[in-house]
Amino acid sequence: GTESTRRLIQEQLESGRLPFCMNSALRNDGIIVIDHPNPDCADCSLSCENAGMSGMASRLLFDGRVYGVLTVLIPSSFAYDKEEQELFIEMADDLGFVLQKINTEGSFLES
């Protein structure tokens, strides 16, 4: 179920075994789109076996520093839509900014 999937994802990330989409996003600028099913995603806990779905991933970057990776699973028809990709980039940029603020100033939510 959902809890076992969540534990598997956590174990993979903590052990440094990043999914294919995350590794690809860390090595490349922009958005990575991976259509499913994909043989590179066979052992990935984030993978979706359903045809017609795609993973989108992008670095969470601010001022040249990578703070993480944002990965989502969405219908393939949306993954290739330019407007959807622009919204995804904006979200990744916003999250990168927030993570940078937290990293440099502590939780800005406390003020």
PDB file of N, CA and C in Angstrom:
ATOM      1  N   GLY A   1       0.802  -1.183   0.000  1.00  0.00           N
ATOM      2  CA  GLY A   1       0.000   0.000   0.000  1.00  0.00           C
ATOM      3  C   GLY A   1       0.853   1.259   0.000  1.00  0.00           C
ATOM      4  N   THR A   2       0.225   2.354   0.303  1.00  0.00           N
ATOM      5  CA  THR A   2       0.873   3.657   0.283  1.00  0.00           C
ATOM      6  C   THR A   2       1.997   3.753   1.311  1.00  0.00           C
ATOM      7  N   GLU A   3       1.786   3.226   2.514  1.00  0.00           N
ATOM      8  CA  GLU A   3       2.808   3.302   3.571  1.00  0.00           C
ATOM      9  C   GLU A   3       4.062   2.528   3.188  1.00  0.00           C
ATOM     10  N   SER A   4       3.907   1.331   2.610  1.00  0.00           N
ATOM     11  CA  SER A   4       5.078   0.546   2.205  1.00  0.00           C
ATOM     12  C   SER A   4       5.815   1.218   1.049  1.00  0.00           C
ATOM     13  N   THR A   5       5.076   1.852   0.137  1.00  0.00           N
ATOM     14  CA  THR A   5       5.706   2.595  -0.960  1.00  0.00           C
ATOM     15  C   THR A   5       6.490   3.772  -0.415  1.00  0.00           C
ATOM     16  N   ARG A   6       5.912   4.480   0.546  1.00  0.00           N
ATOM     17  CA  ARG A   6       6.581   5.630   1.154  1.00  0.00           C
ATOM     18  C   ARG A   6       7.878   5.191   1.849  1.00  0.00           C
ATOM     19  N   ARG A   7       7.832   4.074   2.573  1.00  0.00           N
ATOM     20  CA  ARG A   7       9.034   3.557   3.241  1.00  0.00           C
ATOM     21  C   ARG A   7      10.102   3.160   2.230  1.00  0.00           C
ATOM     22  N   LEU A   8       9.695   2.529   1.135  1.00  0.00           N
ATOM     23  CA  LEU A   8      10.647   2.122   0.102  1.00  0.00           C
ATOM     24  C   LEU A   8      11.314   3.339  -0.532  1.00  0.00           C
ATOM     25  N   ILE A   9      10.533   4.371  -0.832  1.00  0.00           N
ATOM     26  CA  ILE A   9      11.093   5.598  -1.398  1.00  0.00           C
ATOM     27  C   ILE A   9      12.100   6.205  -0.427  1.00  0.00           C
ATOM     28  N   GLN A  10      11.733   6.291   0.844  1.00  0.00           N
ATOM     29  CA  GLN A  10      12.621   6.861   1.852  1.00  0.00           C
ATOM     30  C   GLN A  10      13.922   6.065   1.939  1.00  0.00           C
ATOM     31  N   GLU A  11      13.828   4.739   1.959  1.00  0.00           N
ATOM     32  CA  GLU A  11      15.021   3.892   2.029  1.00  0.00           C
ATOM     33  C   GLU A  11      15.920   4.106   0.821  1.00  0.00           C
ATOM     34  N   GLN A  12      15.326   4.183  -0.379  1.00  0.00           N
ATOM     35  CA  GLN A  12      16.115   4.390  -1.583  1.00  0.00           C
ATOM     36  C   GLN A  12      16.851   5.728  -1.528  1.00  0.00           C
ATOM     37  N   LEU A  13      16.155   6.782  -1.148  1.00  0.00           N
ATOM     38  CA  LEU A  13      16.759   8.112  -1.111  1.00  0.00           C
ATOM     39  C   LEU A  13      17.839   8.191  -0.039  1.00  0.00           C
ATOM     40  N   GLU A  14      17.579   7.635   1.151  1.00  0.00           N
ATOM     41  CA  GLU A  14      18.560   7.680   2.231  1.00  0.00           C
ATOM     42  C   GLU A  14      19.812   6.880   1.908  1.00  0.00           C
ATOM     43  N   SER A  15      19.666   5.838   1.098  1.00  0.00           N
ATOM     44  CA  SER A  15      20.831   5.025   0.726  1.00  0.00           C
ATOM     45  C   SER A  15      21.571   5.605  -0.480  1.00  0.00           C
ATOM     46  N   GLY A  16      21.042   6.699  -1.040  1.00  0.00           N
ATOM     47  CA  GLY A  16      21.703   7.336  -2.177  1.00  0.00           C
ATOM     48  C   GLY A  16      21.368   6.711  -3.521  1.00  0.00           C
ATOM     49  N   ARG A  17      20.410   5.806  -3.546  1.00  0.00           N
ATOM     50  CA  ARG A  17      19.994   5.182  -4.809  1.00  0.00           C
ATOM     51  C   ARG A  17      18.870   6.008  -5.415  1.00  0.00           C
ATOM     52  N   LEU A  18      19.247   7.107  -6.056  1.00  0.00           N
ATOM     53  CA  LEU A  18      18.246   7.994  -6.637  1.00  0.00           C
ATOM     54  C   LEU A  18      17.612   7.364  -7.871  1.00  0.00           C
ATOM     55  N   PRO A  19      16.321   7.591  -8.069  1.00  0.00           N
ATOM     56  CA  PRO A  19      15.657   7.087  -9.272  1.00  0.00           C
ATOM     57  C   PRO A  19      16.267   7.696 -10.543  1.00  0.00           C
ATOM     58  N   PHE A  20      16.101   7.005 -11.653  1.00  0.00           N
ATOM     59  CA  PHE A  20      16.632   7.422 -12.952  1.00  0.00           C
ATOM     60  C   PHE A  20      16.246   8.862 -13.289  1.00  0.00           C
ATOM     61  N   CYS A  21      14.981   9.233 -13.049  1.00  0.00           N
ATOM     62  CA  CYS A  21      14.527  10.577 -13.392  1.00  0.00           C
ATOM     63  C   CYS A  21      15.260  11.634 -12.566  1.00  0.00           C
ATOM     64  N   MET A  22      15.493  11.342 -11.285  1.00  0.00           N
ATOM     65  CA  MET A  22      16.192  12.301 -10.426  1.00  0.00           C
ATOM     66  C   MET A  22      17.651  12.448 -10.840  1.00  0.00           C
ATOM     67  N   ASN A  23      18.317  11.319 -11.099  1.00  0.00           N
ATOM     68  CA  ASN A  23      19.701  11.379 -11.586  1.00  0.00           C
ATOM     69  C   ASN A  23      19.792  12.167 -12.882  1.00  0.00           C
ATOM     70  N   SER A  24      18.849  11.940 -13.781  1.00  0.00           N
ATOM     71  CA  SER A  24      18.836  12.661 -15.063  1.00  0.00           C
ATOM     72  C   SER A  24      18.636  14.147 -14.848  1.00  0.00           C
ATOM     73  N   ALA A  25      17.720  14.510 -13.935  1.00  0.00           N
ATOM     74  CA  ALA A  25      17.460  15.929 -13.660  1.00  0.00           C
ATOM     75  C   ALA A  25      18.684  16.608 -13.057  1.00  0.00           C
ATOM     76  N   LEU A  26      19.406  15.904 -12.197  1.00  0.00           N
ATOM     77  CA  LEU A  26      20.594  16.491 -11.575  1.00  0.00           C
ATOM     78  C   LEU A  26      21.710  16.740 -12.581  1.00  0.00           C
ATOM     79  N   ARG A  27      21.738  15.968 -13.665  1.00  0.00           N
ATOM     80  CA  ARG A  27      22.781  16.113 -14.682  1.00  0.00           C
ATOM     81  C   ARG A  27      22.403  17.054 -15.812  1.00  0.00           C
ATOM     82  N   ASN A  28      21.153  17.501 -15.862  1.00  0.00           N
ATOM     83  CA  ASN A  28      20.690  18.287 -17.006  1.00  0.00           C
ATOM     84  C   ASN A  28      19.925  19.526 -16.561  1.00  0.00           C
ATOM     85  N   ASP A  29      19.954  20.546 -17.394  1.00  0.00           N
ATOM     86  CA  ASP A  29      19.139  21.735 -17.170  1.00  0.00           C
ATOM     87  C   ASP A  29      17.720  21.467 -17.655  1.00  0.00           C
ATOM     88  N   GLY A  30      16.767  22.180 -17.103  1.00  0.00           N
ATOM     89  CA  GLY A  30      15.391  22.101 -17.581  1.00  0.00           C
ATOM     90  C   GLY A  30      14.658  20.894 -17.044  1.00  0.00           C
ATOM     91  N   ILE A  31      13.638  20.502 -17.777  1.00  0.00           N
ATOM     92  CA  ILE A  31      12.750  19.415 -17.370  1.00  0.00           C
ATOM     93  C   ILE A  31      13.160  18.109 -18.042  1.00  0.00           C
ATOM     94  N   ILE A  32      13.108  17.060 -17.270  1.00  0.00           N
ATOM     95  CA  ILE A  32      13.286  15.704 -17.799  1.00  0.00           C
ATOM     96  C   ILE A  32      11.895  15.080 -17.859  1.00  0.00           C
ATOM     97  N   VAL A  33      11.525  14.541 -19.003  1.00  0.00           N
ATOM     98  CA  VAL A  33      10.242  13.841 -19.150  1.00  0.00           C
ATOM     99  C   VAL A  33      10.552  12.393 -19.507  1.00  0.00           C
ATOM    100  N   ILE A  34       9.989  11.475 -18.728  1.00  0.00           N
ATOM    101  CA  ILE A  34      10.194  10.049 -18.959  1.00  0.00           C
ATOM    102  C   ILE A  34       8.830   9.385 -19.062  1.00  0.00           C
ATOM    103  N   ASP A  35       8.552   8.804 -20.226  1.00  0.00           N
ATOM    104  CA  ASP A  35       7.279   8.121 -20.442  1.00  0.00           C
ATOM    105  C   ASP A  35       7.330   6.732 -19.807  1.00  0.00           C
ATOM    106  N   HIS A  36       6.198   6.327 -19.249  1.00  0.00           N
ATOM    107  CA  HIS A  36       6.111   5.023 -18.591  1.00  0.00           C
ATOM    108  C   HIS A  36       5.207   4.100 -19.385  1.00  0.00           C
ATOM    109  N   PRO A  37       5.450   2.804 -19.319  1.00  0.00           N
ATOM    110  CA  PRO A  37       6.549   2.173 -18.602  1.00  0.00           C
ATOM    111  C   PRO A  37       7.882   2.408 -19.306  1.00  0.00           C
ATOM    112  N   ASN A  38       8.975   2.425 -18.517  1.00  0.00           N
ATOM    113  CA  ASN A  38      10.317   2.680 -19.039  1.00  0.00           C
ATOM    114  C   ASN A  38      11.271   1.675 -18.408  1.00  0.00           C
ATOM    115  N   PRO A  39      12.094   0.996 -19.213  1.00  0.00           N
ATOM    116  CA  PRO A  39      12.993  -0.024 -18.658  1.00  0.00           C
ATOM    117  C   PRO A  39      14.008   0.559 -17.666  1.00  0.00           C
ATOM    118  N   ASP A  40      14.352   1.842 -17.787  1.00  0.00           N
ATOM    119  CA  ASP A  40      15.282   2.461 -16.841  1.00  0.00           C
ATOM    120  C   ASP A  40      14.656   2.648 -15.471  1.00  0.00           C
ATOM    121  N   CYS A  41      13.351   2.498 -15.378  1.00  0.00           N
ATOM    122  CA  CYS A  41      12.622   2.737 -14.126  1.00  0.00           C
ATOM    123  C   CYS A  41      12.129   1.447 -13.482  1.00  0.00           C
ATOM    124  N   ALA A  42      12.623   0.309 -13.934  1.00  0.00           N
ATOM    125  CA  ALA A  42      12.094  -0.988 -13.495  1.00  0.00           C
ATOM    126  C   ALA A  42      12.172  -1.193 -11.991  1.00  0.00           C
ATOM    127  N   ASP A  43      13.256  -0.760 -11.341  1.00  0.00           N
ATOM    128  CA  ASP A  43      13.401  -1.000  -9.904  1.00  0.00           C
ATOM    129  C   ASP A  43      13.078   0.241  -9.074  1.00  0.00           C
ATOM    130  N   CYS A  44      12.414   1.200  -9.689  1.00  0.00           N
ATOM    131  CA  CYS A  44      12.144   2.469  -9.025  1.00  0.00           C
ATOM    132  C   CYS A  44      10.814   2.418  -8.285  1.00  0.00           C
ATOM    133  N   SER A  45      10.846   2.863  -7.046  1.00  0.00           N
ATOM    134  CA  SER A  45       9.616   2.892  -6.261  1.00  0.00           C
ATOM    135  C   SER A  45       8.678   4.008  -6.714  1.00  0.00           C
ATOM    136  N   LEU A  46       9.191   4.978  -7.485  1.00  0.00           N
ATOM    137  CA  LEU A  46       8.344   6.054  -8.006  1.00  0.00           C
ATOM    138  C   LEU A  46       7.716   5.689  -9.347  1.00  0.00           C
ATOM    139  N   SER A  47       8.151   4.582  -9.926  1.00  0.00           N
ATOM    140  CA  SER A  47       7.727   4.206 -11.268  1.00  0.00           C
ATOM    141  C   SER A  47       6.242   3.874 -11.335  1.00  0.00           C
ATOM    142  N   CYS A  48       5.686   4.119 -12.496  1.00  0.00           N
ATOM    143  CA  CYS A  48       4.280   3.814 -12.739  1.00  0.00           C
ATOM    144  C   CYS A  48       4.208   2.800 -13.876  1.00  0.00           C
ATOM    145  N   GLU A  49       3.494   1.753 -13.672  1.00  0.00           N
ATOM    146  CA  GLU A  49       3.372   0.710 -14.695  1.00  0.00           C
ATOM    147  C   GLU A  49       2.331   1.059 -15.752  1.00  0.00           C
ATOM    148  N   ASN A  50       1.575   2.117 -15.526  1.00  0.00           N
ATOM    149  CA  ASN A  50       0.499   2.456 -16.451  1.00  0.00           C
ATOM    150  C   ASN A  50       1.003   3.206 -17.667  1.00  0.00           C
ATOM    151  N   ALA A  51       0.673   2.689 -18.845  1.00  0.00           N
ATOM    152  CA  ALA A  51       0.985   3.399 -20.075  1.00  0.00           C
ATOM    153  C   ALA A  51       0.186   4.698 -20.078  1.00  0.00           C
ATOM    154  N   GLY A  52       0.721   5.692 -20.733  1.00  0.00           N
ATOM    155  CA  GLY A  52       0.030   6.969 -20.803  1.00  0.00           C
ATOM    156  C   GLY A  52       0.385   7.919 -19.671  1.00  0.00           C
ATOM    157  N   MET A  53       1.293   7.483 -18.802  1.00  0.00           N
ATOM    158  CA  MET A  53       1.768   8.339 -17.716  1.00  0.00           C
ATOM    159  C   MET A  53       3.234   8.678 -17.959  1.00  0.00           C
ATOM    160  N   SER A  54       3.636   9.849 -17.494  1.00  0.00           N
ATOM    161  CA  SER A  54       5.027  10.283 -17.626  1.00  0.00           C
ATOM    162  C   SER A  54       5.502  10.881 -16.316  1.00  0.00           C
ATOM    163  N   GLY A  55       6.785  10.736 -16.080  1.00  0.00           N
ATOM    164  CA  GLY A  55       7.412  11.401 -14.952  1.00  0.00           C
ATOM    165  C   GLY A  55       8.051  12.681 -15.449  1.00  0.00           C
ATOM    166  N   MET A  56       7.923  13.738 -14.673  1.00  0.00           N
ATOM    167  CA  MET A  56       8.613  14.997 -14.965  1.00  0.00           C
ATOM    168  C   MET A  56       9.503  15.290 -13.777  1.00  0.00           C
ATOM    169  N   ALA A  57      10.734  15.706 -14.043  1.00  0.00           N
ATOM    170  CA  ALA A  57      11.658  16.018 -12.960  1.00  0.00           C
ATOM    171  C   ALA A  57      12.477  17.246 -13.331  1.00  0.00           C
ATOM    172  N   SER A  58      12.819  18.020 -12.310  1.00  0.00           N
ATOM    173  CA  SER A  58      13.654  19.206 -12.497  1.00  0.00           C
ATOM    174  C   SER A  58      14.421  19.476 -11.208  1.00  0.00           C
ATOM    175  N   ARG A  59      15.621  20.020 -11.364  1.00  0.00           N
ATOM    176  CA  ARG A  59      16.396  20.407 -10.183  1.00  0.00           C
ATOM    177  C   ARG A  59      15.708  21.566  -9.472  1.00  0.00           C
ATOM    178  N   LEU A  60      15.845  21.607  -8.157  1.00  0.00           N
ATOM    179  CA  LEU A  60      15.435  22.754  -7.357  1.00  0.00           C
ATOM    180  C   LEU A  60      16.699  23.575  -7.179  1.00  0.00           C
ATOM    181  N   LEU A  61      16.791  24.622  -7.973  1.00  0.00           N
ATOM    182  CA  LEU A  61      18.025  25.379  -8.131  1.00  0.00           C
ATOM    183  C   LEU A  61      17.773  26.835  -7.793  1.00  0.00           C
ATOM    184  N   PHE A  62      18.727  27.443  -7.076  1.00  0.00           N
ATOM    185  CA  PHE A  62      18.658  28.882  -6.868  1.00  0.00           C
ATOM    186  C   PHE A  62      20.070  29.418  -6.795  1.00  0.00           C
ATOM    187  N   ASP A  63      20.349  30.436  -7.581  1.00  0.00           N
ATOM    188  CA  ASP A  63      21.649  31.105  -7.586  1.00  0.00           C
ATOM    189  C   ASP A  63      22.793  30.116  -7.776  1.00  0.00           C
ATOM    190  N   GLY A  64      22.587  29.159  -8.679  1.00  0.00           N
ATOM    191  CA  GLY A  64      23.624  28.201  -9.029  1.00  0.00           C
ATOM    192  C   GLY A  64      23.787  27.029  -8.076  1.00  0.00           C
ATOM    193  N   ARG A  65      22.992  26.975  -7.022  1.00  0.00           N
ATOM    194  CA  ARG A  65      23.092  25.879  -6.054  1.00  0.00           C
ATOM    195  C   ARG A  65      21.873  24.979  -6.159  1.00  0.00           C
ATOM    196  N   VAL A  66      22.115  23.676  -6.176  1.00  0.00           N
ATOM    197  CA  VAL A  66      21.039  22.690  -6.245  1.00  0.00           C
ATOM    198  C   VAL A  66      20.620  22.319  -4.830  1.00  0.00           C
ATOM    199  N   TYR A  67      19.312  22.443  -4.556  1.00  0.00           N
ATOM    200  CA  TYR A  67      18.761  22.130  -3.246  1.00  0.00           C
ATOM    201  C   TYR A  67      17.973  20.820  -3.230  1.00  0.00           C
ATOM    202  N   GLY A  68      17.757  20.221  -4.384  1.00  0.00           N
ATOM    203  CA  GLY A  68      17.004  18.979  -4.459  1.00  0.00           C
ATOM    204  C   GLY A  68      16.444  18.782  -5.846  1.00  0.00           C
ATOM    205  N   VAL A  69      15.480  17.882  -5.945  1.00  0.00           N
ATOM    206  CA  VAL A  69      14.833  17.559  -7.215  1.00  0.00           C
ATOM    207  C   VAL A  69      13.333  17.461  -6.977  1.00  0.00           C
ATOM    208  N   LEU A  70      12.555  18.046  -7.884  1.00  0.00           N
ATOM    209  CA  LEU A  70      11.106  17.910  -7.856  1.00  0.00           C
ATOM    210  C   LEU A  70      10.722  16.892  -8.918  1.00  0.00           C
ATOM    211  N   THR A  71       9.970  15.872  -8.506  1.00  0.00           N
ATOM    212  CA  THR A  71       9.539  14.829  -9.430  1.00  0.00           C
ATOM    213  C   THR A  71       8.042  14.619  -9.274  1.00  0.00           C
ATOM    214  N   VAL A  72       7.327  14.570 -10.406  1.00  0.00           N
ATOM    215  CA  VAL A  72       5.886  14.321 -10.392  1.00  0.00           C
ATOM    216  C   VAL A  72       5.551  13.266 -11.436  1.00  0.00           C
ATOM    217  N   LEU A  73       4.434  12.602 -11.240  1.00  0.00           N
ATOM    218  CA  LEU A  73       3.914  11.638 -12.201  1.00  0.00           C
ATOM    219  C   LEU A  73       2.587  12.178 -12.708  1.00  0.00           C
ATOM    220  N   ILE A  74       2.492  12.393 -14.018  1.00  0.00           N
ATOM    221  CA  ILE A  74       1.294  12.995 -14.606  1.00  0.00           C
ATOM    222  C   ILE A  74       0.943  12.301 -15.913  1.00  0.00           C
ATOM    223  N   PRO A  75      -0.276  12.491 -16.417  1.00  0.00           N
ATOM    224  CA  PRO A  75      -0.621  11.947 -17.732  1.00  0.00           C
ATOM    225  C   PRO A  75       0.327  12.506 -18.809  1.00  0.00           C
ATOM    226  N   SER A  76       0.757  11.650 -19.707  1.00  0.00           N
ATOM    227  CA  SER A  76       1.718  12.041 -20.744  1.00  0.00           C
ATOM    228  C   SER A  76       1.253  13.234 -21.566  1.00  0.00           C
ATOM    229  N   SER A  77      -0.052  13.367 -21.786  1.00  0.00           N
ATOM    230  CA  SER A  77      -0.558  14.484 -22.586  1.00  0.00           C
ATOM    231  C   SER A  77      -0.210  15.831 -21.943  1.00  0.00           C
ATOM    232  N   PHE A  78      -0.123  15.864 -20.609  1.00  0.00           N
ATOM    233  CA  PHE A  78       0.255  17.098 -19.914  1.00  0.00           C
ATOM    234  C   PHE A  78       1.764  17.296 -19.886  1.00  0.00           C
ATOM    235  N   ALA A  79       2.514  16.200 -19.851  1.00  0.00           N
ATOM    236  CA  ALA A  79       3.968  16.275 -19.719  1.00  0.00           C
ATOM    237  C   ALA A  79       4.616  16.999 -20.899  1.00  0.00           C
ATOM    238  N   TYR A  80       3.987  16.976 -22.041  1.00  0.00           N
ATOM    239  CA  TYR A  80       4.564  17.604 -23.236  1.00  0.00           C
ATOM    240  C   TYR A  80       3.919  18.944 -23.575  1.00  0.00           C
ATOM    241  N   ASP A  81       2.968  19.365 -22.775  1.00  0.00           N
ATOM    242  CA  ASP A  81       2.301  20.641 -22.984  1.00  0.00           C
ATOM    243  C   ASP A  81       3.217  21.762 -22.484  1.00  0.00           C
ATOM    244  N   LYS A  82       3.527  22.730 -23.358  1.00  0.00           N
ATOM    245  CA  LYS A  82       4.463  23.802 -23.012  1.00  0.00           C
ATOM    246  C   LYS A  82       3.998  24.609 -21.803  1.00  0.00           C
ATOM    247  N   GLU A  83       2.693  24.894 -21.713  1.00  0.00           N
ATOM    248  CA  GLU A  83       2.178  25.652 -20.581  1.00  0.00           C
ATOM    249  C   GLU A  83       2.358  24.876 -19.273  1.00  0.00           C
ATOM    250  N   GLU A  84       2.085  23.572 -19.302  1.00  0.00           N
ATOM    251  CA  GLU A  84       2.279  22.735 -18.115  1.00  0.00           C
ATOM    252  C   GLU A  84       3.752  22.710 -17.713  1.00  0.00           C
ATOM    253  N   GLN A  85       4.643  22.613 -18.717  1.00  0.00           N
ATOM    254  CA  GLN A  85       6.073  22.615 -18.428  1.00  0.00           C
ATOM    255  C   GLN A  85       6.511  23.940 -17.817  1.00  0.00           C
ATOM    256  N   GLU A  86       5.979  25.055 -18.322  1.00  0.00           N
ATOM    257  CA  GLU A  86       6.319  26.364 -17.758  1.00  0.00           C
ATOM    258  C   GLU A  86       5.843  26.473 -16.313  1.00  0.00           C
ATOM    259  N   LEU A  87       4.645  25.968 -16.016  1.00  0.00           N
ATOM    260  CA  LEU A  87       4.143  25.974 -14.641  1.00  0.00           C
ATOM    261  C   LEU A  87       5.019  25.110 -13.734  1.00  0.00           C
ATOM    262  N   PHE A  88       5.462  23.976 -14.243  1.00  0.00           N
ATOM    263  CA  PHE A  88       6.332  23.083 -13.480  1.00  0.00           C
ATOM    264  C   PHE A  88       7.666  23.772 -13.178  1.00  0.00           C
ATOM    265  N   ILE A  89       8.218  24.460 -14.177  1.00  0.00           N
ATOM    266  CA  ILE A  89       9.474  25.192 -13.981  1.00  0.00           C
ATOM    267  C   ILE A  89       9.291  26.291 -12.940  1.00  0.00           C
ATOM    268  N   GLU A  90       8.182  27.025 -13.013  1.00  0.00           N
ATOM    269  CA  GLU A  90       7.908  28.077 -12.028  1.00  0.00           C
ATOM    270  C   GLU A  90       7.831  27.494 -10.621  1.00  0.00           C
ATOM    271  N   MET A  91       7.166  26.354 -10.482  1.00  0.00           N
ATOM    272  CA  MET A  91       7.040  25.719  -9.180  1.00  0.00           C
ATOM    273  C   MET A  91       8.418  25.286  -8.666  1.00  0.00           C
ATOM    274  N   ALA A  92       9.231  24.687  -9.536  1.00  0.00           N
ATOM    275  CA  ALA A  92      10.576  24.269  -9.140  1.00  0.00           C
ATOM    276  C   ALA A  92      11.423  25.477  -8.753  1.00  0.00           C
ATOM    277  N   ASP A  93      11.305  26.566  -9.514  1.00  0.00           N
ATOM    278  CA  ASP A  93      12.050  27.788  -9.190  1.00  0.00           C
ATOM    279  C   ASP A  93      11.614  28.347  -7.842  1.00  0.00           C
ATOM    280  N   ASP A  94      10.304  28.370  -7.587  1.00  0.00           N
ATOM    281  CA  ASP A  94       9.785  28.867  -6.312  1.00  0.00           C
ATOM    282  C   ASP A  94      10.288  28.008  -5.144  1.00  0.00           C
ATOM    283  N   LEU A  95      10.252  26.707  -5.320  1.00  0.00           N
ATOM    284  CA  LEU A  95      10.729  25.816  -4.262  1.00  0.00           C
ATOM    285  C   LEU A  95      12.232  25.979  -4.032  1.00  0.00           C
ATOM    286  N   GLY A  96      13.000  26.157  -5.099  1.00  0.00           N
ATOM    287  CA  GLY A  96      14.426  26.416  -4.964  1.00  0.00           C
ATOM    288  C   GLY A  96      14.686  27.683  -4.171  1.00  0.00           C
ATOM    289  N   PHE A  97      13.913  28.732  -4.448  1.00  0.00           N
ATOM    290  CA  PHE A  97      14.039  29.995  -3.720  1.00  0.00           C
ATOM    291  C   PHE A  97      13.725  29.802  -2.238  1.00  0.00           C
ATOM    292  N   VAL A  98      12.617  29.108  -1.937  1.00  0.00           N
ATOM    293  CA  VAL A  98      12.219  28.879  -0.551  1.00  0.00           C
ATOM    294  C   VAL A  98      13.283  28.063   0.185  1.00  0.00           C
ATOM    295  N   LEU A  99      13.798  27.021  -0.459  1.00  0.00           N
ATOM    296  CA  LEU A  99      14.823  26.198   0.185  1.00  0.00           C
ATOM    297  C   LEU A  99      16.099  26.996   0.433  1.00  0.00           C
ATOM    298  N   GLN A 100      16.427  27.902  -0.469  1.00  0.00           N
ATOM    299  CA  GLN A 100      17.589  28.768  -0.275  1.00  0.00           C
ATOM    300  C   GLN A 100      17.373  29.686   0.918  1.00  0.00           C
ATOM    301  N   LYS A 101      16.171  30.254   1.035  1.00  0.00           N
ATOM    302  CA  LYS A 101      15.855  31.139   2.153  1.00  0.00           C
ATOM    303  C   LYS A 101      15.945  30.385   3.480  1.00  0.00           C
ATOM    304  N   ILE A 102      15.385  29.191   3.524  1.00  0.00           N
ATOM    305  CA  ILE A 102      15.429  28.381   4.740  1.00  0.00           C
ATOM    306  C   ILE A 102      16.880  28.049   5.081  1.00  0.00           C
ATOM    307  N   ASN A 103      17.665  27.716   4.071  1.00  0.00           N
ATOM    308  CA  ASN A 103      19.063  27.349   4.280  1.00  0.00           C
ATOM    309  C   ASN A 103      19.889  28.519   4.808  1.00  0.00           C
ATOM    310  N   THR A 104      19.637  29.723   4.318  1.00  0.00           N
ATOM    311  CA  THR A 104      20.456  30.872   4.707  1.00  0.00           C
ATOM    312  C   THR A 104      19.913  31.633   5.905  1.00  0.00           C
ATOM    313  N   GLU A 105      18.611  31.609   6.108  1.00  0.00           N
ATOM    314  CA  GLU A 105      18.020  32.425   7.167  1.00  0.00           C
ATOM    315  C   GLU A 105      17.327  31.611   8.252  1.00  0.00           C
ATOM    316  N   GLY A 106      17.299  30.327   8.118  1.00  0.00           N
ATOM    317  CA  GLY A 106      16.497  29.532   9.033  1.00  0.00           C
ATOM    318  C   GLY A 106      15.057  29.622   8.564  1.00  0.00           C
ATOM    319  N   SER A 107      14.155  29.143   9.315  1.00  0.00           N
ATOM    320  CA  SER A 107      12.752  29.161   8.908  1.00  0.00           C
ATOM    321  C   SER A 107      12.220  30.582   8.893  1.00  0.00           C
ATOM    322  N   PHE A 108      11.922  31.093   7.715  1.00  0.00           N
ATOM    323  CA  PHE A 108      11.361  32.445   7.611  1.00  0.00           C
ATOM    324  C   PHE A 108       9.898  32.463   8.031  1.00  0.00           C
ATOM    325  N   LEU A 109       9.345  31.312   8.343  1.00  0.00           N
ATOM    326  CA  LEU A 109       7.972  31.241   8.813  1.00  0.00           C
ATOM    327  C   LEU A 109       7.849  31.666  10.277  1.00  0.00           C
ATOM    328  N   GLU A 110       8.983  31.696  10.986  1.00  0.00           N
ATOM    329  CA  GLU A 110       8.957  32.055  12.406  1.00  0.00           C
ATOM    330  C   GLU A 110       8.694  33.525  12.636  1.00  0.00           C
ATOM    331  N   SER A 111       9.013  34.392  11.673  1.00  0.00           N
ATOM    332  CA  SER A 111       8.887  35.838  11.901  1.00  0.00           C
ATOM    333  C   SER A 111       7.468  36.336  11.825  1.00  0.00           C
TER     334      SER A 111
END
